[in-house]
Amino acid sequence: MEIKRAAIKKNAKLLIATTRPSPILVFLVYILIGLVLLYLSESISGETKMVQEMLLQYQAGNLEYVPEPPEFSGWACVLLIALSVMNYMLAVGTHIYSLEICQQRQGSFGNLFDGFGIFGKSLLLAILETIFIYLWTLLLIVPGIIAIYRYRMALYVMIDHPELGPLDCLRESKRLMTGHKWELFVLDLSFLGWFLLCLFPPASVWVEPYTRITYTNYYLALRDMPGSSFNTTV
């Protein structure tokens, strides 16, 4: 059964226009927190200082200048990992928020931090998914790309069915995506222009909620297809 791309996009636009608090404001908060985390990461790693020095050298006419890689301590590594994990948990929060509003439940700014409530499971899921995709990529690029699409719904499954473990979520994502990988790939391509527009940073305030809510609608359409083994009541 084919999922109507135009229908789930239209629904996403409707939700953005009618939901309160506005998804645009919720994702704006998410983007701003992400920028703060990025700034902290670059400051701790010394990347900001390295780029500034490189620009100064180039402006002075020293075009042969090669910057030295920044050195940082073990504590800095720990902080960088912690900031990356925080950023991922906020991304999990955007999935939670999107599932709430797409199912006509009350979403809120607080959903952005709900990912920390499933910290261990969602982090383990991300690690396992990365390992499996990497192993498939060792064979060839194409199997790796197929694996990416095979496991795209795993995080939605975990949020929707918290009783399932990480491996179960990956298996369920694989089942849901059977026969739909090309369809999701085409949906990705339909957003290509929007993703390019994100090179102009303010555009992300619209593109982020629009794409996330559309992909959430896609998951729900897969989940609710006739014959699905999913019990839609969490």
C-alpha atoms as a PDB file:
ATOM      1  CA  MET A   1       0.000   0.000   0.000  1.00  0.00           C
ATOM      2  CA  GLU A   2       1.469   3.344  -1.050  1.00  0.00           C
ATOM      3  CA  ILE A   3       1.650   6.265   1.367  1.00  0.00           C
ATOM      4  CA  LYS A   4       0.466   9.515  -0.185  1.00  0.00           C
ATOM      5  CA  ARG A   5       3.384  11.917   0.055  1.00  0.00           C
ATOM      6  CA  ALA A   6       1.261  14.997  -0.649  1.00  0.00           C
ATOM      7  CA  ALA A   7      -1.216  14.082   2.100  1.00  0.00           C
ATOM      8  CA  ILE A   8       1.323  13.724   4.914  1.00  0.00           C
ATOM      9  CA  LYS A   9       3.033  16.956   3.848  1.00  0.00           C
ATOM     10  CA  LYS A  10      -0.284  18.789   3.806  1.00  0.00           C
ATOM     11  CA  ASN A  11      -1.068  17.487   7.271  1.00  0.00           C
ATOM     12  CA  ALA A  12       2.341  18.673   8.507  1.00  0.00           C
ATOM     13  CA  LYS A  13       1.647  22.200   7.252  1.00  0.00           C
ATOM     14  CA  LEU A  14      -1.789  22.136   8.885  1.00  0.00           C
ATOM     15  CA  LEU A  15      -0.314  21.081  12.225  1.00  0.00           C
ATOM     16  CA  ILE A  16       2.294  23.834  12.054  1.00  0.00           C
ATOM     17  CA  ALA A  17      -0.449  26.384  11.401  1.00  0.00           C
ATOM     18  CA  THR A  18      -2.903  25.209  14.085  1.00  0.00           C
ATOM     19  CA  THR A  19      -0.922  23.634  16.935  1.00  0.00           C
ATOM     20  CA  ARG A  20      -0.279  25.606  20.116  1.00  0.00           C
ATOM     21  CA  PRO A  21       2.378  26.208  21.203  1.00  0.00           C
ATOM     22  CA  SER A  22       3.537  26.656  17.646  1.00  0.00           C
ATOM     23  CA  PRO A  23       5.911  23.957  16.382  1.00  0.00           C
ATOM     24  CA  ILE A  24       7.970  26.776  14.889  1.00  0.00           C
ATOM     25  CA  LEU A  25       8.582  28.192  18.377  1.00  0.00           C
ATOM     26  CA  VAL A  26       9.317  24.745  19.829  1.00  0.00           C
ATOM     27  CA  PHE A  27      11.850  23.974  17.111  1.00  0.00           C
ATOM     28  CA  LEU A  28      13.317  27.472  17.413  1.00  0.00           C
ATOM     29  CA  VAL A  29      14.137  26.678  21.039  1.00  0.00           C
ATOM     30  CA  TYR A  30      15.638  23.359  19.902  1.00  0.00           C
ATOM     31  CA  ILE A  31      17.787  25.094  17.269  1.00  0.00           C
ATOM     32  CA  LEU A  32      18.981  27.777  19.705  1.00  0.00           C
ATOM     33  CA  ILE A  33      19.973  25.204  22.332  1.00  0.00           C
ATOM     34  CA  GLY A  34      21.759  23.251  19.601  1.00  0.00           C
ATOM     35  CA  LEU A  35      23.714  26.354  18.600  1.00  0.00           C
ATOM     36  CA  VAL A  36      24.765  26.908  22.213  1.00  0.00           C
ATOM     37  CA  LEU A  37      25.946  23.289  22.465  1.00  0.00           C
ATOM     38  CA  LEU A  38      27.815  23.671  19.170  1.00  0.00           C
ATOM     39  CA  TYR A  39      29.520  26.844  20.396  1.00  0.00           C
ATOM     40  CA  LEU A  40      30.569  25.115  23.617  1.00  0.00           C
ATOM     41  CA  SER A  41      31.885  22.100  21.684  1.00  0.00           C
ATOM     42  CA  GLU A  42      33.933  24.259  19.330  1.00  0.00           C
ATOM     43  CA  SER A  43      35.294  26.306  22.210  1.00  0.00           C
ATOM     44  CA  ILE A  44      36.323  23.245  24.219  1.00  0.00           C
ATOM     45  CA  SER A  45      37.910  21.517  21.215  1.00  0.00           C
ATOM     46  CA  GLY A  46      39.834  24.660  20.245  1.00  0.00           C
ATOM     47  CA  GLU A  47      38.296  24.594  16.788  1.00  0.00           C
ATOM     48  CA  THR A  48      37.036  28.179  17.046  1.00  0.00           C
ATOM     49  CA  LYS A  49      40.478  29.477  17.980  1.00  0.00           C
ATOM     50  CA  MET A  50      42.096  27.456  15.179  1.00  0.00           C
ATOM     51  CA  VAL A  51      39.703  28.870  12.552  1.00  0.00           C
ATOM     52  CA  GLN A  52      40.223  32.419  13.805  1.00  0.00           C
ATOM     53  CA  GLU A  53      44.007  32.043  13.616  1.00  0.00           C
ATOM     54  CA  MET A  54      43.758  30.563  10.139  1.00  0.00           C
ATOM     55  CA  LEU A  55      41.646  33.490   8.916  1.00  0.00           C
ATOM     56  CA  LEU A  56      44.089  35.998  10.408  1.00  0.00           C
ATOM     57  CA  GLN A  57      47.003  34.311   8.657  1.00  0.00           C
ATOM     58  CA  TYR A  58      45.207  34.235   5.321  1.00  0.00           C
ATOM     59  CA  GLN A  59      44.184  37.885   5.650  1.00  0.00           C
ATOM     60  CA  ALA A  60      47.848  38.724   6.304  1.00  0.00           C
ATOM     61  CA  GLY A  61      48.746  37.079   3.014  1.00  0.00           C
ATOM     62  CA  ASN A  62      50.201  33.895   4.486  1.00  0.00           C
ATOM     63  CA  LEU A  63      48.352  31.537   2.147  1.00  0.00           C
ATOM     64  CA  GLU A  64      50.748  28.654   2.907  1.00  0.00           C
ATOM     65  CA  TYR A  65      49.789  28.612   6.576  1.00  0.00           C
ATOM     66  CA  VAL A  66      48.689  25.169   7.777  1.00  0.00           C
ATOM     67  CA  PRO A  67      46.974  25.203  11.188  1.00  0.00           C
ATOM     68  CA  GLU A  68      48.061  22.715  13.811  1.00  0.00           C
ATOM     69  CA  PRO A  69      45.328  20.402  15.089  1.00  0.00           C
ATOM     70  CA  PRO A  70      44.115  21.578  18.497  1.00  0.00           C
ATOM     71  CA  GLU A  71      45.206  19.649  21.552  1.00  0.00           C
ATOM     72  CA  PHE A  72      42.832  19.034  24.427  1.00  0.00           C
ATOM     73  CA  SER A  73      42.824  17.006  27.623  1.00  0.00           C
ATOM     74  CA  GLY A  74      40.962  13.869  28.553  1.00  0.00           C
ATOM     75  CA  TRP A  75      38.443  15.967  30.466  1.00  0.00           C
ATOM     76  CA  ALA A  76      37.816  17.958  27.315  1.00  0.00           C
ATOM     77  CA  CYS A  77      37.071  14.701  25.481  1.00  0.00           C
ATOM     78  CA  VAL A  78      34.586  13.741  28.190  1.00  0.00           C
ATOM     79  CA  LEU A  79      32.871  17.138  27.932  1.00  0.00           C
ATOM     80  CA  LEU A  80      32.703  16.899  24.134  1.00  0.00           C
ATOM     81  CA  ILE A  81      31.081  13.463  24.360  1.00  0.00           C
ATOM     82  CA  ALA A  82      28.630  14.755  26.978  1.00  0.00           C
ATOM     83  CA  LEU A  83      27.648  17.697  24.767  1.00  0.00           C
ATOM     84  CA  SER A  84      27.139  15.374  21.780  1.00  0.00           C
ATOM     85  CA  VAL A  85      24.919  13.101  23.864  1.00  0.00           C
ATOM     86  CA  MET A  86      22.905  16.103  25.090  1.00  0.00           C
ATOM     87  CA  ASN A  87      22.398  17.213  21.496  1.00  0.00           C
ATOM     88  CA  TYR A  88      21.199  13.735  20.530  1.00  0.00           C
ATOM     89  CA  MET A  89      18.770  13.606  23.459  1.00  0.00           C
ATOM     90  CA  LEU A  90      17.289  16.925  22.368  1.00  0.00           C
ATOM     91  CA  ALA A  91      16.820  15.436  18.889  1.00  0.00           C
ATOM     92  CA  VAL A  92      15.006  12.512  20.528  1.00  0.00           C
ATOM     93  CA  GLY A  93      12.836  15.133  22.213  1.00  0.00           C
ATOM     94  CA  THR A  94      11.816  16.559  18.834  1.00  0.00           C
ATOM     95  CA  HIS A  95      10.654  13.071  17.823  1.00  0.00           C
ATOM     96  CA  ILE A  96       8.626  12.798  21.031  1.00  0.00           C
ATOM     97  CA  TYR A  97       7.073  16.227  20.493  1.00  0.00           C
ATOM     98  CA  SER A  98       6.220  15.424  16.865  1.00  0.00           C
ATOM     99  CA  LEU A  99       4.576  12.133  17.812  1.00  0.00           C
ATOM    100  CA  GLU A 100       2.496  13.931  20.432  1.00  0.00           C
ATOM    101  CA  ILE A 101       1.078  16.550  18.089  1.00  0.00           C
ATOM    102  CA  CYS A 102       0.660  14.182  15.146  1.00  0.00           C
ATOM    103  CA  GLN A 103      -1.548  11.998  17.347  1.00  0.00           C
ATOM    104  CA  GLN A 104      -3.633  14.994  18.442  1.00  0.00           C
ATOM    105  CA  ARG A 105      -2.136  15.053  21.913  1.00  0.00           C
ATOM    106  CA  GLN A 106      -0.860  18.124  23.722  1.00  0.00           C
ATOM    107  CA  GLY A 107       2.755  18.752  22.841  1.00  0.00           C
ATOM    108  CA  SER A 108       4.888  21.226  24.774  1.00  0.00           C
ATOM    109  CA  PHE A 109       8.337  22.765  25.041  1.00  0.00           C
ATOM    110  CA  GLY A 110       9.026  20.240  27.787  1.00  0.00           C
ATOM    111  CA  ASN A 111       8.921  17.408  25.254  1.00  0.00           C
ATOM    112  CA  LEU A 112      12.329  18.581  24.036  1.00  0.00           C
ATOM    113  CA  PHE A 113      13.825  17.273  27.282  1.00  0.00           C
ATOM    114  CA  ASP A 114      11.766  14.076  27.503  1.00  0.00           C
ATOM    115  CA  GLY A 115      14.475  12.215  25.609  1.00  0.00           C
ATOM    116  CA  PHE A 116      16.515  12.178  28.821  1.00  0.00           C
ATOM    117  CA  GLY A 117      13.764   9.993  30.297  1.00  0.00           C
ATOM    118  CA  ILE A 118      14.763   7.178  27.923  1.00  0.00           C
ATOM    119  CA  PHE A 119      18.448   8.107  27.991  1.00  0.00           C
ATOM    120  CA  GLY A 120      19.925   4.611  28.263  1.00  0.00           C
ATOM    121  CA  LYS A 121      17.631   2.874  25.783  1.00  0.00           C
ATOM    122  CA  SER A 122      17.759   5.577  23.128  1.00  0.00           C
ATOM    123  CA  LEU A 123      21.546   5.896  23.392  1.00  0.00           C
ATOM    124  CA  LEU A 124      21.976   2.118  23.092  1.00  0.00           C
ATOM    125  CA  LEU A 125      19.619   2.157  20.098  1.00  0.00           C
ATOM    126  CA  ALA A 126      21.727   4.841  18.404  1.00  0.00           C
ATOM    127  CA  ILE A 127      24.937   2.872  19.066  1.00  0.00           C
ATOM    128  CA  LEU A 128      23.508  -0.405  17.747  1.00  0.00           C
ATOM    129  CA  GLU A 129      22.026   1.304  14.691  1.00  0.00           C
ATOM    130  CA  THR A 130      25.379   2.928  13.911  1.00  0.00           C
ATOM    131  CA  ILE A 131      27.201  -0.397  14.278  1.00  0.00           C
ATOM    132  CA  PHE A 132      24.773  -2.264  12.015  1.00  0.00           C
ATOM    133  CA  ILE A 133      24.885   0.440   9.333  1.00  0.00           C
ATOM    134  CA  TYR A 134      28.677   0.500   9.520  1.00  0.00           C
ATOM    135  CA  LEU A 135      28.902  -3.279   9.121  1.00  0.00           C
ATOM    136  CA  TRP A 136      26.624  -3.189   6.075  1.00  0.00           C
ATOM    137  CA  THR A 137      28.696  -0.327   4.645  1.00  0.00           C
ATOM    138  CA  LEU A 138      31.819  -2.516   4.894  1.00  0.00           C
ATOM    139  CA  LEU A 139      30.284  -4.704   2.203  1.00  0.00           C
ATOM    140  CA  LEU A 140      29.441  -1.900  -0.232  1.00  0.00           C
ATOM    141  CA  ILE A 141      28.021   1.612  -0.153  1.00  0.00           C
ATOM    142  CA  VAL A 142      24.607   0.524  -1.471  1.00  0.00           C
ATOM    143  CA  PRO A 143      23.954  -2.052   1.301  1.00  0.00           C
ATOM    144  CA  GLY A 144      24.930   0.647   3.795  1.00  0.00           C
ATOM    145  CA  ILE A 145      22.391   3.074   2.319  1.00  0.00           C
ATOM    146  CA  ILE A 146      19.716   0.358   2.365  1.00  0.00           C
ATOM    147  CA  ALA A 147      20.515  -0.276   6.047  1.00  0.00           C
ATOM    148  CA  ILE A 148      20.051   3.426   6.825  1.00  0.00           C
ATOM    149  CA  TYR A 149      16.521   3.269   5.417  1.00  0.00           C
ATOM    150  CA  ARG A 150      15.848  -0.100   7.023  1.00  0.00           C
ATOM    151  CA  TYR A 151      16.368   1.345  10.514  1.00  0.00           C
ATOM    152  CA  ARG A 152      14.962   4.866   9.981  1.00  0.00           C
ATOM    153  CA  MET A 153      11.802   4.145  11.997  1.00  0.00           C
ATOM    154  CA  ALA A 154      13.542   2.514  14.988  1.00  0.00           C
ATOM    155  CA  LEU A 155      13.543   5.613  17.203  1.00  0.00           C
ATOM    156  CA  TYR A 156       9.859   6.274  16.484  1.00  0.00           C
ATOM    157  CA  VAL A 157       9.121   2.661  17.411  1.00  0.00           C
ATOM    158  CA  MET A 158      10.982   3.025  20.709  1.00  0.00           C
ATOM    159  CA  ILE A 159       9.107   6.203  21.650  1.00  0.00           C
ATOM    160  CA  ASP A 160       5.765   4.778  20.556  1.00  0.00           C
ATOM    161  CA  HIS A 161       6.343   1.409  22.262  1.00  0.00           C
ATOM    162  CA  PRO A 162       8.662   1.956  25.242  1.00  0.00           C
ATOM    163  CA  GLU A 163       8.194  -1.654  26.336  1.00  0.00           C
ATOM    164  CA  LEU A 164      10.354  -2.793  23.397  1.00  0.00           C
ATOM    165  CA  GLY A 165      14.129  -3.105  23.698  1.00  0.00           C
ATOM    166  CA  PRO A 166      16.588  -1.529  21.240  1.00  0.00           C
ATOM    167  CA  LEU A 167      17.033  -4.711  19.173  1.00  0.00           C
ATOM    168  CA  ASP A 168      13.272  -5.225  19.004  1.00  0.00           C
ATOM    169  CA  CYS A 169      12.878  -1.636  17.752  1.00  0.00           C
ATOM    170  CA  LEU A 170      15.436  -2.245  15.014  1.00  0.00           C
ATOM    171  CA  ARG A 171      13.662  -5.435  13.970  1.00  0.00           C
ATOM    172  CA  GLU A 172      10.280  -3.688  13.936  1.00  0.00           C
ATOM    173  CA  SER A 173      11.701  -0.836  11.875  1.00  0.00           C
ATOM    174  CA  LYS A 174      13.038  -3.396   9.410  1.00  0.00           C
ATOM    175  CA  ARG A 175       9.568  -4.955   9.179  1.00  0.00           C
ATOM    176  CA  LEU A 176       7.808  -1.625   8.757  1.00  0.00           C
ATOM    177  CA  MET A 177      10.200  -0.496   6.028  1.00  0.00           C
ATOM    178  CA  THR A 178       9.880  -3.676   3.965  1.00  0.00           C
ATOM    179  CA  GLY A 179       8.689  -2.520   0.569  1.00  0.00           C
ATOM    180  CA  HIS A 180       8.862   1.168   1.554  1.00  0.00           C
ATOM    181  CA  LYS A 181      12.562   2.072   1.366  1.00  0.00           C
ATOM    182  CA  TRP A 182      12.331   3.527  -2.138  1.00  0.00           C
ATOM    183  CA  GLU A 183       9.187   5.397  -1.149  1.00  0.00           C
ATOM    184  CA  LEU A 184      10.978   7.039   1.785  1.00  0.00           C
ATOM    185  CA  PHE A 185      13.959   7.797  -0.438  1.00  0.00           C
ATOM    186  CA  VAL A 186      11.660   9.667  -2.828  1.00  0.00           C
ATOM    187  CA  LEU A 187      10.199  11.550   0.138  1.00  0.00           C
ATOM    188  CA  ASP A 188      13.738  12.564   1.106  1.00  0.00           C
ATOM    189  CA  LEU A 189      14.386  13.786  -2.434  1.00  0.00           C
ATOM    190  CA  SER A 190      11.228  15.894  -2.304  1.00  0.00           C
ATOM    191  CA  PHE A 191      12.808  17.845   0.563  1.00  0.00           C
ATOM    192  CA  LEU A 192      16.091  18.441  -1.254  1.00  0.00           C
ATOM    193  CA  GLY A 193      15.256  22.059  -2.088  1.00  0.00           C
ATOM    194  CA  TRP A 194      14.247  22.723   1.515  1.00  0.00           C
ATOM    195  CA  PHE A 195      17.472  21.214   2.813  1.00  0.00           C
ATOM    196  CA  LEU A 196      19.489  23.425   0.454  1.00  0.00           C
ATOM    197  CA  LEU A 197      17.506  26.410   1.730  1.00  0.00           C
ATOM    198  CA  CYS A 198      18.851  25.606   5.204  1.00  0.00           C
ATOM    199  CA  LEU A 199      22.207  26.953   3.995  1.00  0.00           C
ATOM    200  CA  PHE A 200      20.448  30.207   4.877  1.00  0.00           C
ATOM    201  CA  PRO A 201      20.194  29.529   8.661  1.00  0.00           C
ATOM    202  CA  PRO A 202      16.881  31.320   9.443  1.00  0.00           C
ATOM    203  CA  ALA A 203      15.126  28.938   7.019  1.00  0.00           C
ATOM    204  CA  SER A 204      15.738  26.087   9.479  1.00  0.00           C
ATOM    205  CA  VAL A 205      13.065  27.528  11.766  1.00  0.00           C
ATOM    206  CA  TRP A 206      10.464  26.404   9.177  1.00  0.00           C
ATOM    207  CA  VAL A 207      12.244  23.458   7.576  1.00  0.00           C
ATOM    208  CA  GLU A 208      13.022  21.629  10.843  1.00  0.00           C
ATOM    209  CA  PRO A 209       9.394  21.298  12.056  1.00  0.00           C
ATOM    210  CA  TYR A 210       8.038  20.759   8.535  1.00  0.00           C
ATOM    211  CA  THR A 211      10.330  17.827   7.771  1.00  0.00           C
ATOM    212  CA  ARG A 212      10.205  16.284  11.251  1.00  0.00           C
ATOM    213  CA  ILE A 213       6.405  16.341  11.399  1.00  0.00           C
ATOM    214  CA  THR A 214       6.170  14.947   7.859  1.00  0.00           C
ATOM    215  CA  TYR A 215       8.467  12.042   8.732  1.00  0.00           C
ATOM    216  CA  THR A 216       6.439  11.429  11.892  1.00  0.00           C
ATOM    217  CA  ASN A 217       3.284  11.298   9.790  1.00  0.00           C
ATOM    218  CA  TYR A 218       5.065   8.812   7.548  1.00  0.00           C
ATOM    219  CA  TYR A 219       5.859   6.573  10.520  1.00  0.00           C
ATOM    220  CA  LEU A 220       2.252   6.707  11.737  1.00  0.00           C
ATOM    221  CA  ALA A 221       1.005   5.836   8.255  1.00  0.00           C
ATOM    222  CA  LEU A 222       3.285   2.801   8.213  1.00  0.00           C
ATOM    223  CA  ARG A 223       2.243   1.798  11.709  1.00  0.00           C
ATOM    224  CA  ASP A 224      -1.471   2.049  11.009  1.00  0.00           C
ATOM    225  CA  MET A 225      -1.482   0.187   7.709  1.00  0.00           C
ATOM    226  CA  PRO A 226      -3.983  -2.697   7.476  1.00  0.00           C
ATOM    227  CA  GLY A 227      -2.385  -5.905   8.670  1.00  0.00           C
ATOM    228  CA  SER A 228       0.244  -4.184  10.814  1.00  0.00           C
ATOM    229  CA  SER A 229       1.225  -6.199  13.889  1.00  0.00           C
ATOM    230  CA  PHE A 230       1.435  -3.005  15.912  1.00  0.00           C
ATOM    231  CA  ASN A 231      -1.036  -2.304  18.643  1.00  0.00           C
ATOM    232  CA  THR A 232      -1.446   1.446  18.227  1.00  0.00           C
ATOM    233  CA  THR A 233      -2.326   1.916  21.882  1.00  0.00           C
ATOM    234  CA  VAL A 234       0.802   2.585  23.917  1.00  0.00           C
END
